[in-house]
């Protein structure tokens, strides 16, 4: 008599843990719902490529400046050198840098679009990210197209590039200002996370600012802020819902509705 059956091996990747309800979610079900938990509506962090696939019309995206790579002006070295870190991140993510930029269509409406990806050194803003954002704004101004930037950056300015990274905050802000002065429409979409130098520059300068539900949005972490101002902070003060209530955001939009909402806004405002 057989009392014990051999346990079948479960293939890796069938299930994923939801950080919202802490439950296990069948990965295929989450993917079918645009990487949103079917139980609690938690929006999983997704790659820049997936965001473009969900937002843009099929086969409409034309990537630009794809071969742009950072240099190593400081000869930076922590555990490994900066060039070695870049190569490691490229192999891990399949990306050249922390941003994908180009031209695409949303329900037939042409836009210049960029998306930062948290999986590449936490989406931190170095010289390449700053240059691509600036070029996006300039190209949008040249072609008289709306500009849409999706921010998913939790790394702030990239420390490996030092002051060159910090300079990108002013550079991208100036490019956005020139674009808006020329009458361009700029829509910023904040996702989880949107932090640091990205939030202190181009991500917060839009005509319309949208966010996904419960996205983490802010400049510094709660502990740093609390130690700086020596005051207790409101609960959830860096969530999209808190920021909408206090006037920082214009709209919180579910991922399944984001493409439709962007198309509607462009149609009304462009």
C-alpha atoms as a PDB file:
ATOM      1  CA  UNK A   1       0.000   0.000   0.000  1.00  0.00           C
ATOM      2  CA  UNK A   2       1.314   3.450  -0.948  1.00  0.00           C
ATOM      3  CA  UNK A   3       0.846   5.902   1.893  1.00  0.00           C
ATOM      4  CA  UNK A   4       2.780   8.804   0.393  1.00  0.00           C
ATOM      5  CA  UNK A   5       2.623  10.161  -3.121  1.00  0.00           C
ATOM      6  CA  UNK A   6       5.616  11.873  -4.616  1.00  0.00           C
ATOM      7  CA  UNK A   7       5.064  15.616  -4.588  1.00  0.00           C
ATOM      8  CA  UNK A   8       4.929  17.050  -8.059  1.00  0.00           C
ATOM      9  CA  UNK A   9       7.322  19.886  -8.720  1.00  0.00           C
ATOM     10  CA  UNK A  10       5.544  23.221  -9.189  1.00  0.00           C
ATOM     11  CA  UNK A  11       6.981  25.289 -12.007  1.00  0.00           C
ATOM     12  CA  UNK A  12       8.582  28.554 -10.927  1.00  0.00           C
ATOM     13  CA  UNK A  13       6.685  31.752 -11.584  1.00  0.00           C
ATOM     14  CA  UNK A  14       3.108  30.408 -11.511  1.00  0.00           C
ATOM     15  CA  UNK A  15       2.215  32.417  -8.416  1.00  0.00           C
ATOM     16  CA  UNK A  16       3.255  35.817  -7.111  1.00  0.00           C
ATOM     17  CA  UNK A  17       2.768  37.493  -3.748  1.00  0.00           C
ATOM     18  CA  UNK A  18       0.635  40.622  -3.602  1.00  0.00           C
ATOM     19  CA  UNK A  19       2.177  43.392  -1.497  1.00  0.00           C
ATOM     20  CA  UNK A  20      -1.304  44.829  -0.963  1.00  0.00           C
ATOM     21  CA  UNK A  21      -3.352  42.006   0.562  1.00  0.00           C
ATOM     22  CA  UNK A  22      -0.311  39.717   1.168  1.00  0.00           C
ATOM     23  CA  UNK A  23      -2.116  36.891  -0.631  1.00  0.00           C
ATOM     24  CA  UNK A  24      -0.825  34.631  -3.382  1.00  0.00           C
ATOM     25  CA  UNK A  25      -2.053  35.586  -6.845  1.00  0.00           C
ATOM     26  CA  UNK A  26      -2.022  33.363  -9.917  1.00  0.00           C
ATOM     27  CA  UNK A  27       0.382  35.213 -12.179  1.00  0.00           C
ATOM     28  CA  UNK A  28      -1.596  34.650 -15.372  1.00  0.00           C
ATOM     29  CA  UNK A  29      -4.725  36.112 -13.747  1.00  0.00           C
ATOM     30  CA  UNK A  30      -2.775  39.202 -12.668  1.00  0.00           C
ATOM     31  CA  UNK A  31      -1.357  39.622 -16.173  1.00  0.00           C
ATOM     32  CA  UNK A  32      -4.828  39.383 -17.709  1.00  0.00           C
ATOM     33  CA  UNK A  33      -5.877  42.249 -15.405  1.00  0.00           C
ATOM     34  CA  UNK A  34      -2.891  44.373 -16.487  1.00  0.00           C
ATOM     35  CA  UNK A  35      -0.796  43.259 -13.504  1.00  0.00           C
ATOM     36  CA  UNK A  36      -3.417  44.306 -10.955  1.00  0.00           C
ATOM     37  CA  UNK A  37      -4.373  42.094  -7.998  1.00  0.00           C
ATOM     38  CA  UNK A  38      -7.893  40.669  -8.561  1.00  0.00           C
ATOM     39  CA  UNK A  39      -8.540  40.584  -4.807  1.00  0.00           C
ATOM     40  CA  UNK A  40      -7.454  44.022  -3.519  1.00  0.00           C
ATOM     41  CA  UNK A  41      -6.802  46.098  -6.657  1.00  0.00           C
ATOM     42  CA  UNK A  42      -3.099  46.508  -5.812  1.00  0.00           C
ATOM     43  CA  UNK A  43      -1.131  47.730  -8.855  1.00  0.00           C
ATOM     44  CA  UNK A  44       2.043  45.674  -9.238  1.00  0.00           C
ATOM     45  CA  UNK A  45       5.209  47.410 -10.350  1.00  0.00           C
ATOM     46  CA  UNK A  46       5.773  46.632 -14.023  1.00  0.00           C
ATOM     47  CA  UNK A  47       8.509  47.245 -16.560  1.00  0.00           C
ATOM     48  CA  UNK A  48       8.703  50.193 -18.910  1.00  0.00           C
ATOM     49  CA  UNK A  49       8.173  47.896 -21.872  1.00  0.00           C
ATOM     50  CA  UNK A  50       4.955  46.543 -20.350  1.00  0.00           C
ATOM     51  CA  UNK A  51       3.703  50.067 -19.710  1.00  0.00           C
ATOM     52  CA  UNK A  52       4.254  51.047 -23.324  1.00  0.00           C
ATOM     53  CA  UNK A  53       2.531  47.878 -24.476  1.00  0.00           C
ATOM     54  CA  UNK A  54      -0.514  48.635 -22.315  1.00  0.00           C
ATOM     55  CA  UNK A  55      -0.749  52.338 -23.221  1.00  0.00           C
ATOM     56  CA  UNK A  56       0.132  52.535 -26.910  1.00  0.00           C
ATOM     57  CA  UNK A  57      -1.630  51.275 -30.011  1.00  0.00           C
ATOM     58  CA  UNK A  58      -0.165  48.019 -31.281  1.00  0.00           C
ATOM     59  CA  UNK A  59       3.001  48.420 -33.382  1.00  0.00           C
ATOM     60  CA  UNK A  60       2.843  52.220 -33.149  1.00  0.00           C
ATOM     61  CA  UNK A  61       5.938  52.813 -30.999  1.00  0.00           C
ATOM     62  CA  UNK A  62       9.098  54.138 -32.651  1.00  0.00           C
ATOM     63  CA  UNK A  63      11.954  54.158 -30.141  1.00  0.00           C
ATOM     64  CA  UNK A  64      14.458  57.005 -30.385  1.00  0.00           C
ATOM     65  CA  UNK A  65      18.033  57.437 -29.144  1.00  0.00           C
ATOM     66  CA  UNK A  66      18.149  53.771 -28.142  1.00  0.00           C
ATOM     67  CA  UNK A  67      21.943  53.476 -28.276  1.00  0.00           C
ATOM     68  CA  UNK A  68      22.673  56.368 -25.916  1.00  0.00           C
ATOM     69  CA  UNK A  69      24.886  55.196 -23.051  1.00  0.00           C
ATOM     70  CA  UNK A  70      26.326  56.921 -19.957  1.00  0.00           C
ATOM     71  CA  UNK A  71      30.002  57.685 -19.528  1.00  0.00           C
ATOM     72  CA  UNK A  72      31.949  57.426 -16.267  1.00  0.00           C
ATOM     73  CA  UNK A  73      33.155  60.990 -15.570  1.00  0.00           C
ATOM     74  CA  UNK A  74      34.090  60.274 -11.941  1.00  0.00           C
ATOM     75  CA  UNK A  75      35.709  56.850 -12.436  1.00  0.00           C
ATOM     76  CA  UNK A  76      33.216  55.762  -9.784  1.00  0.00           C
ATOM     77  CA  UNK A  77      33.816  52.517  -7.914  1.00  0.00           C
ATOM     78  CA  UNK A  78      31.849  50.942  -5.064  1.00  0.00           C
ATOM     79  CA  UNK A  79      31.664  47.154  -4.996  1.00  0.00           C
ATOM     80  CA  UNK A  80      32.224  47.238  -8.757  1.00  0.00           C
ATOM     81  CA  UNK A  81      33.010  49.982 -11.244  1.00  0.00           C
ATOM     82  CA  UNK A  82      30.234  52.070 -12.764  1.00  0.00           C
ATOM     83  CA  UNK A  83      30.718  50.611 -16.291  1.00  0.00           C
ATOM     84  CA  UNK A  84      30.512  47.120 -14.801  1.00  0.00           C
ATOM     85  CA  UNK A  85      27.285  48.050 -12.995  1.00  0.00           C
ATOM     86  CA  UNK A  86      25.757  49.387 -16.218  1.00  0.00           C
ATOM     87  CA  UNK A  87      26.611  46.159 -18.058  1.00  0.00           C
ATOM     88  CA  UNK A  88      25.158  44.100 -15.185  1.00  0.00           C
ATOM     89  CA  UNK A  89      21.909  46.100 -15.227  1.00  0.00           C
ATOM     90  CA  UNK A  90      21.655  45.792 -19.002  1.00  0.00           C
ATOM     91  CA  UNK A  91      21.959  42.002 -18.800  1.00  0.00           C
ATOM     92  CA  UNK A  92      19.433  41.813 -15.940  1.00  0.00           C
ATOM     93  CA  UNK A  93      16.777  44.052 -17.502  1.00  0.00           C
ATOM     94  CA  UNK A  94      17.335  43.905 -21.251  1.00  0.00           C
ATOM     95  CA  UNK A  95      17.419  47.725 -21.251  1.00  0.00           C
ATOM     96  CA  UNK A  96      20.226  50.042 -22.315  1.00  0.00           C
ATOM     97  CA  UNK A  97      19.287  52.624 -19.663  1.00  0.00           C
ATOM     98  CA  UNK A  98      16.589  53.528 -17.127  1.00  0.00           C
ATOM     99  CA  UNK A  99      14.349  55.195 -19.723  1.00  0.00           C
ATOM    100  CA  UNK A 100      12.659  54.229 -22.980  1.00  0.00           C
ATOM    101  CA  UNK A 101      11.690  57.161 -25.198  1.00  0.00           C
ATOM    102  CA  UNK A 102      10.129  57.682 -28.583  1.00  0.00           C
ATOM    103  CA  UNK A 103       6.970  58.396 -30.555  1.00  0.00           C
ATOM    104  CA  UNK A 104       3.746  56.392 -30.469  1.00  0.00           C
ATOM    105  CA  UNK A 105      -0.020  56.558 -30.740  1.00  0.00           C
ATOM    106  CA  UNK A 106      -2.786  56.447 -28.128  1.00  0.00           C
ATOM    107  CA  UNK A 107      -6.087  55.604 -29.797  1.00  0.00           C
ATOM    108  CA  UNK A 108      -4.705  57.025 -33.024  1.00  0.00           C
ATOM    109  CA  UNK A 109      -3.389  60.249 -31.443  1.00  0.00           C
ATOM    110  CA  UNK A 110       0.355  60.731 -31.949  1.00  0.00           C
ATOM    111  CA  UNK A 111       2.424  61.537 -28.843  1.00  0.00           C
ATOM    112  CA  UNK A 112       6.021  61.787 -27.769  1.00  0.00           C
ATOM    113  CA  UNK A 113       6.337  59.417 -24.841  1.00  0.00           C
ATOM    114  CA  UNK A 114       8.934  58.357 -22.298  1.00  0.00           C
ATOM    115  CA  UNK A 115       8.860  55.910 -19.412  1.00  0.00           C
ATOM    116  CA  UNK A 116      11.406  55.438 -16.635  1.00  0.00           C
ATOM    117  CA  UNK A 117      11.905  51.905 -15.352  1.00  0.00           C
ATOM    118  CA  UNK A 118      12.505  51.170 -11.658  1.00  0.00           C
ATOM    119  CA  UNK A 119      14.252  47.885 -12.455  1.00  0.00           C
ATOM    120  CA  UNK A 120      17.332  49.668 -13.904  1.00  0.00           C
ATOM    121  CA  UNK A 121      19.258  51.087 -10.921  1.00  0.00           C
ATOM    122  CA  UNK A 122      15.847  51.990  -9.417  1.00  0.00           C
ATOM    123  CA  UNK A 123      15.058  54.231 -12.390  1.00  0.00           C
ATOM    124  CA  UNK A 124      17.594  56.772 -11.124  1.00  0.00           C
ATOM    125  CA  UNK A 125      18.203  59.860 -13.242  1.00  0.00           C
ATOM    126  CA  UNK A 126      21.635  60.073 -14.755  1.00  0.00           C
ATOM    127  CA  UNK A 127      22.900  61.957 -17.794  1.00  0.00           C
ATOM    128  CA  UNK A 128      21.188  59.635 -20.282  1.00  0.00           C
ATOM    129  CA  UNK A 129      17.768  59.903 -18.623  1.00  0.00           C
ATOM    130  CA  UNK A 130      18.095  63.690 -18.487  1.00  0.00           C
ATOM    131  CA  UNK A 131      19.219  63.937 -22.093  1.00  0.00           C
ATOM    132  CA  UNK A 132      16.390  61.759 -23.384  1.00  0.00           C
ATOM    133  CA  UNK A 133      13.754  63.691 -21.423  1.00  0.00           C
ATOM    134  CA  UNK A 134      15.141  66.952 -22.824  1.00  0.00           C
ATOM    135  CA  UNK A 135      15.180  65.590 -26.363  1.00  0.00           C
ATOM    136  CA  UNK A 136      11.617  64.309 -25.961  1.00  0.00           C
ATOM    137  CA  UNK A 137      10.443  67.803 -25.050  1.00  0.00           C
ATOM    138  CA  UNK A 138      12.378  69.355 -27.937  1.00  0.00           C
ATOM    139  CA  UNK A 139      11.045  66.820 -30.436  1.00  0.00           C
ATOM    140  CA  UNK A 140       7.482  67.264 -29.150  1.00  0.00           C
ATOM    141  CA  UNK A 141       7.885  71.034 -29.647  1.00  0.00           C
ATOM    142  CA  UNK A 142       9.290  70.525 -33.156  1.00  0.00           C
ATOM    143  CA  UNK A 143       6.503  68.139 -34.227  1.00  0.00           C
ATOM    144  CA  UNK A 144       3.785  69.976 -32.238  1.00  0.00           C
ATOM    145  CA  UNK A 145       2.814  66.768 -30.435  1.00  0.00           C
ATOM    146  CA  UNK A 146       1.649  66.169 -26.841  1.00  0.00           C
ATOM    147  CA  UNK A 147       4.287  64.961 -24.410  1.00  0.00           C
ATOM    148  CA  UNK A 148       3.526  62.067 -22.033  1.00  0.00           C
ATOM    149  CA  UNK A 149       6.073  60.914 -19.456  1.00  0.00           C
ATOM    150  CA  UNK A 150       5.431  57.942 -17.151  1.00  0.00           C
ATOM    151  CA  UNK A 151       7.605  58.091 -14.038  1.00  0.00           C
ATOM    152  CA  UNK A 152       8.581  54.930 -12.205  1.00  0.00           C
ATOM    153  CA  UNK A 153      11.766  56.070 -10.500  1.00  0.00           C
ATOM    154  CA  UNK A 154      12.685  55.391  -6.899  1.00  0.00           C
ATOM    155  CA  UNK A 155      16.382  56.165  -7.092  1.00  0.00           C
ATOM    156  CA  UNK A 156      16.581  59.946  -7.382  1.00  0.00           C
ATOM    157  CA  UNK A 157      19.750  61.359  -8.911  1.00  0.00           C
ATOM    158  CA  UNK A 158      22.305  58.676  -9.763  1.00  0.00           C
ATOM    159  CA  UNK A 159      25.155  58.914  -7.276  1.00  0.00           C
ATOM    160  CA  UNK A 160      27.650  57.277  -9.649  1.00  0.00           C
ATOM    161  CA  UNK A 161      27.551  60.414 -11.809  1.00  0.00           C
ATOM    162  CA  UNK A 162      27.678  62.919  -8.960  1.00  0.00           C
ATOM    163  CA  UNK A 163      26.988  66.538  -9.929  1.00  0.00           C
ATOM    164  CA  UNK A 164      26.432  65.524 -13.565  1.00  0.00           C
ATOM    165  CA  UNK A 165      23.356  63.668 -12.383  1.00  0.00           C
ATOM    166  CA  UNK A 166      22.117  66.593 -10.272  1.00  0.00           C
ATOM    167  CA  UNK A 167      22.448  68.894 -13.292  1.00  0.00           C
ATOM    168  CA  UNK A 168      19.769  66.852 -15.088  1.00  0.00           C
ATOM    169  CA  UNK A 169      17.111  68.279 -12.755  1.00  0.00           C
ATOM    170  CA  UNK A 170      17.722  71.798 -14.072  1.00  0.00           C
ATOM    171  CA  UNK A 171      18.234  70.588 -17.630  1.00  0.00           C
ATOM    172  CA  UNK A 172      14.946  68.664 -17.854  1.00  0.00           C
ATOM    173  CA  UNK A 173      13.028  71.443 -16.067  1.00  0.00           C
ATOM    174  CA  UNK A 174      14.317  74.025 -18.559  1.00  0.00           C
ATOM    175  CA  UNK A 175      13.413  71.809 -21.530  1.00  0.00           C
ATOM    176  CA  UNK A 176       9.881  71.284 -20.177  1.00  0.00           C
ATOM    177  CA  UNK A 177       9.512  75.046 -19.569  1.00  0.00           C
ATOM    178  CA  UNK A 178      10.483  75.851 -23.174  1.00  0.00           C
ATOM    179  CA  UNK A 179       8.016  73.260 -24.437  1.00  0.00           C
ATOM    180  CA  UNK A 180       5.149  74.651 -22.342  1.00  0.00           C
ATOM    181  CA  UNK A 181       5.982  78.254 -23.291  1.00  0.00           C
ATOM    182  CA  UNK A 182       5.617  77.183 -26.928  1.00  0.00           C
ATOM    183  CA  UNK A 183       2.073  76.006 -26.137  1.00  0.00           C
ATOM    184  CA  UNK A 184       2.793  72.285 -25.804  1.00  0.00           C
ATOM    185  CA  UNK A 185       0.637  69.902 -23.754  1.00  0.00           C
ATOM    186  CA  UNK A 186       2.533  67.886 -21.143  1.00  0.00           C
ATOM    187  CA  UNK A 187       0.890  65.056 -19.161  1.00  0.00           C
ATOM    188  CA  UNK A 188       2.809  63.391 -16.339  1.00  0.00           C
ATOM    189  CA  UNK A 189       1.801  59.914 -15.126  1.00  0.00           C
ATOM    190  CA  UNK A 190       3.153  58.974 -11.689  1.00  0.00           C
ATOM    191  CA  UNK A 191       3.468  55.306 -10.784  1.00  0.00           C
ATOM    192  CA  UNK A 192       4.844  53.389  -7.829  1.00  0.00           C
ATOM    193  CA  UNK A 193       7.472  54.605  -7.003  1.00  0.00           C
ATOM    194  CA  UNK A 194       7.950  58.236  -8.102  1.00  0.00           C
ATOM    195  CA  UNK A 195      10.606  59.733  -5.841  1.00  0.00           C
ATOM    196  CA  UNK A 196      13.751  61.820  -5.562  1.00  0.00           C
ATOM    197  CA  UNK A 197      15.187  64.031  -8.264  1.00  0.00           C
ATOM    198  CA  UNK A 198      12.613  62.871 -10.802  1.00  0.00           C
ATOM    199  CA  UNK A 199       9.787  64.224  -8.616  1.00  0.00           C
ATOM    200  CA  UNK A 200      11.810  67.371  -7.931  1.00  0.00           C
ATOM    201  CA  UNK A 201      12.051  68.124 -11.646  1.00  0.00           C
ATOM    202  CA  UNK A 202      10.209  67.023 -14.777  1.00  0.00           C
ATOM    203  CA  UNK A 203       7.656  64.682 -13.160  1.00  0.00           C
ATOM    204  CA  UNK A 204       5.953  67.485 -11.210  1.00  0.00           C
ATOM    205  CA  UNK A 205       5.899  70.175 -13.930  1.00  0.00           C
ATOM    206  CA  UNK A 206       3.049  68.926 -16.105  1.00  0.00           C
ATOM    207  CA  UNK A 207      -0.151  70.630 -17.224  1.00  0.00           C
ATOM    208  CA  UNK A 208      -2.028  67.531 -16.024  1.00  0.00           C
ATOM    209  CA  UNK A 209      -0.649  65.116 -13.423  1.00  0.00           C
ATOM    210  CA  UNK A 210      -2.156  61.634 -13.134  1.00  0.00           C
ATOM    211  CA  UNK A 211      -1.314  58.749 -10.864  1.00  0.00           C
ATOM    212  CA  UNK A 212      -2.082  55.090 -10.422  1.00  0.00           C
ATOM    213  CA  UNK A 213      -3.870  54.153  -7.171  1.00  0.00           C
ATOM    214  CA  UNK A 214      -1.773  53.958  -3.983  1.00  0.00           C
ATOM    215  CA  UNK A 215       1.434  54.956  -5.765  1.00  0.00           C
ATOM    216  CA  UNK A 216       4.324  56.027  -3.518  1.00  0.00           C
ATOM    217  CA  UNK A 217       5.118  59.635  -4.451  1.00  0.00           C
ATOM    218  CA  UNK A 218       7.503  62.090  -2.809  1.00  0.00           C
ATOM    219  CA  UNK A 219      11.010  63.481  -2.637  1.00  0.00           C
ATOM    220  CA  UNK A 220      12.767  61.950   0.365  1.00  0.00           C
ATOM    221  CA  UNK A 221      11.770  59.037   2.577  1.00  0.00           C
ATOM    222  CA  UNK A 222       9.537  59.600   5.648  1.00  0.00           C
ATOM    223  CA  UNK A 223      12.378  59.067   8.131  1.00  0.00           C
ATOM    224  CA  UNK A 224      14.602  61.663   6.470  1.00  0.00           C
ATOM    225  CA  UNK A 225      11.763  64.211   6.332  1.00  0.00           C
ATOM    226  CA  UNK A 226      10.748  63.602   9.944  1.00  0.00           C
ATOM    227  CA  UNK A 227      14.317  64.002  11.196  1.00  0.00           C
ATOM    228  CA  UNK A 228      14.722  67.192   9.148  1.00  0.00           C
ATOM    229  CA  UNK A 229      11.541  69.021  10.172  1.00  0.00           C
ATOM    230  CA  UNK A 230      11.341  67.480  13.689  1.00  0.00           C
ATOM    231  CA  UNK A 231       7.600  66.839  13.357  1.00  0.00           C
ATOM    232  CA  UNK A 232       5.342  63.809  13.161  1.00  0.00           C
ATOM    233  CA  UNK A 233       4.041  63.141   9.671  1.00  0.00           C
ATOM    234  CA  UNK A 234       0.426  62.387   8.660  1.00  0.00           C
ATOM    235  CA  UNK A 235      -0.357  58.762   7.961  1.00  0.00           C
ATOM    236  CA  UNK A 236      -0.014  57.893   4.282  1.00  0.00           C
ATOM    237  CA  UNK A 237       1.227  61.373   3.383  1.00  0.00           C
ATOM    238  CA  UNK A 238       3.220  60.049   0.411  1.00  0.00           C
ATOM    239  CA  UNK A 239       0.377  58.102  -1.199  1.00  0.00           C
ATOM    240  CA  UNK A 240      -1.410  59.190  -4.351  1.00  0.00           C
ATOM    241  CA  UNK A 241      -4.703  59.448  -2.444  1.00  0.00           C
ATOM    242  CA  UNK A 242      -3.268  61.877   0.136  1.00  0.00           C
ATOM    243  CA  UNK A 243      -1.681  64.016  -2.581  1.00  0.00           C
ATOM    244  CA  UNK A 244      -4.918  64.128  -4.599  1.00  0.00           C
ATOM    245  CA  UNK A 245      -6.798  65.303  -1.499  1.00  0.00           C
ATOM    246  CA  UNK A 246      -4.256  68.094  -0.979  1.00  0.00           C
ATOM    247  CA  UNK A 247      -4.210  69.309  -4.580  1.00  0.00           C
ATOM    248  CA  UNK A 248      -0.909  67.922  -5.846  1.00  0.00           C
ATOM    249  CA  UNK A 249      -2.545  65.501  -8.308  1.00  0.00           C
ATOM    250  CA  UNK A 250      -5.312  66.117 -10.808  1.00  0.00           C
ATOM    251  CA  UNK A 251      -6.598  62.563 -11.085  1.00  0.00           C
ATOM    252  CA  UNK A 252      -6.016  58.996  -9.887  1.00  0.00           C
ATOM    253  CA  UNK A 253      -6.671  56.537 -12.676  1.00  0.00           C
ATOM    254  CA  UNK A 254      -6.834  52.746 -12.617  1.00  0.00           C
ATOM    255  CA  UNK A 255      -4.318  51.103 -14.916  1.00  0.00           C
ATOM    256  CA  UNK A 256      -7.097  49.557 -16.988  1.00  0.00           C
ATOM    257  CA  UNK A 257      -8.494  53.047 -17.668  1.00  0.00           C
ATOM    258  CA  UNK A 258      -5.214  54.918 -18.177  1.00  0.00           C
ATOM    259  CA  UNK A 259      -5.046  54.629 -21.971  1.00  0.00           C
ATOM    260  CA  UNK A 260      -8.646  55.799 -22.343  1.00  0.00           C
ATOM    261  CA  UNK A 261      -8.081  58.681 -19.919  1.00  0.00           C
ATOM    262  CA  UNK A 262      -4.936  59.857 -21.700  1.00  0.00           C
ATOM    263  CA  UNK A 263      -6.721  59.727 -25.049  1.00  0.00           C
ATOM    264  CA  UNK A 264      -9.638  61.728 -23.590  1.00  0.00           C
ATOM    265  CA  UNK A 265      -7.366  64.408 -22.102  1.00  0.00           C
ATOM    266  CA  UNK A 266      -5.331  64.769 -25.304  1.00  0.00           C
ATOM    267  CA  UNK A 267      -8.524  65.047 -27.325  1.00  0.00           C
ATOM    268  CA  UNK A 268      -9.881  67.812 -25.080  1.00  0.00           C
ATOM    269  CA  UNK A 269      -6.685  69.797 -24.531  1.00  0.00           C
ATOM    270  CA  UNK A 270      -4.514  69.401 -27.603  1.00  0.00           C
END
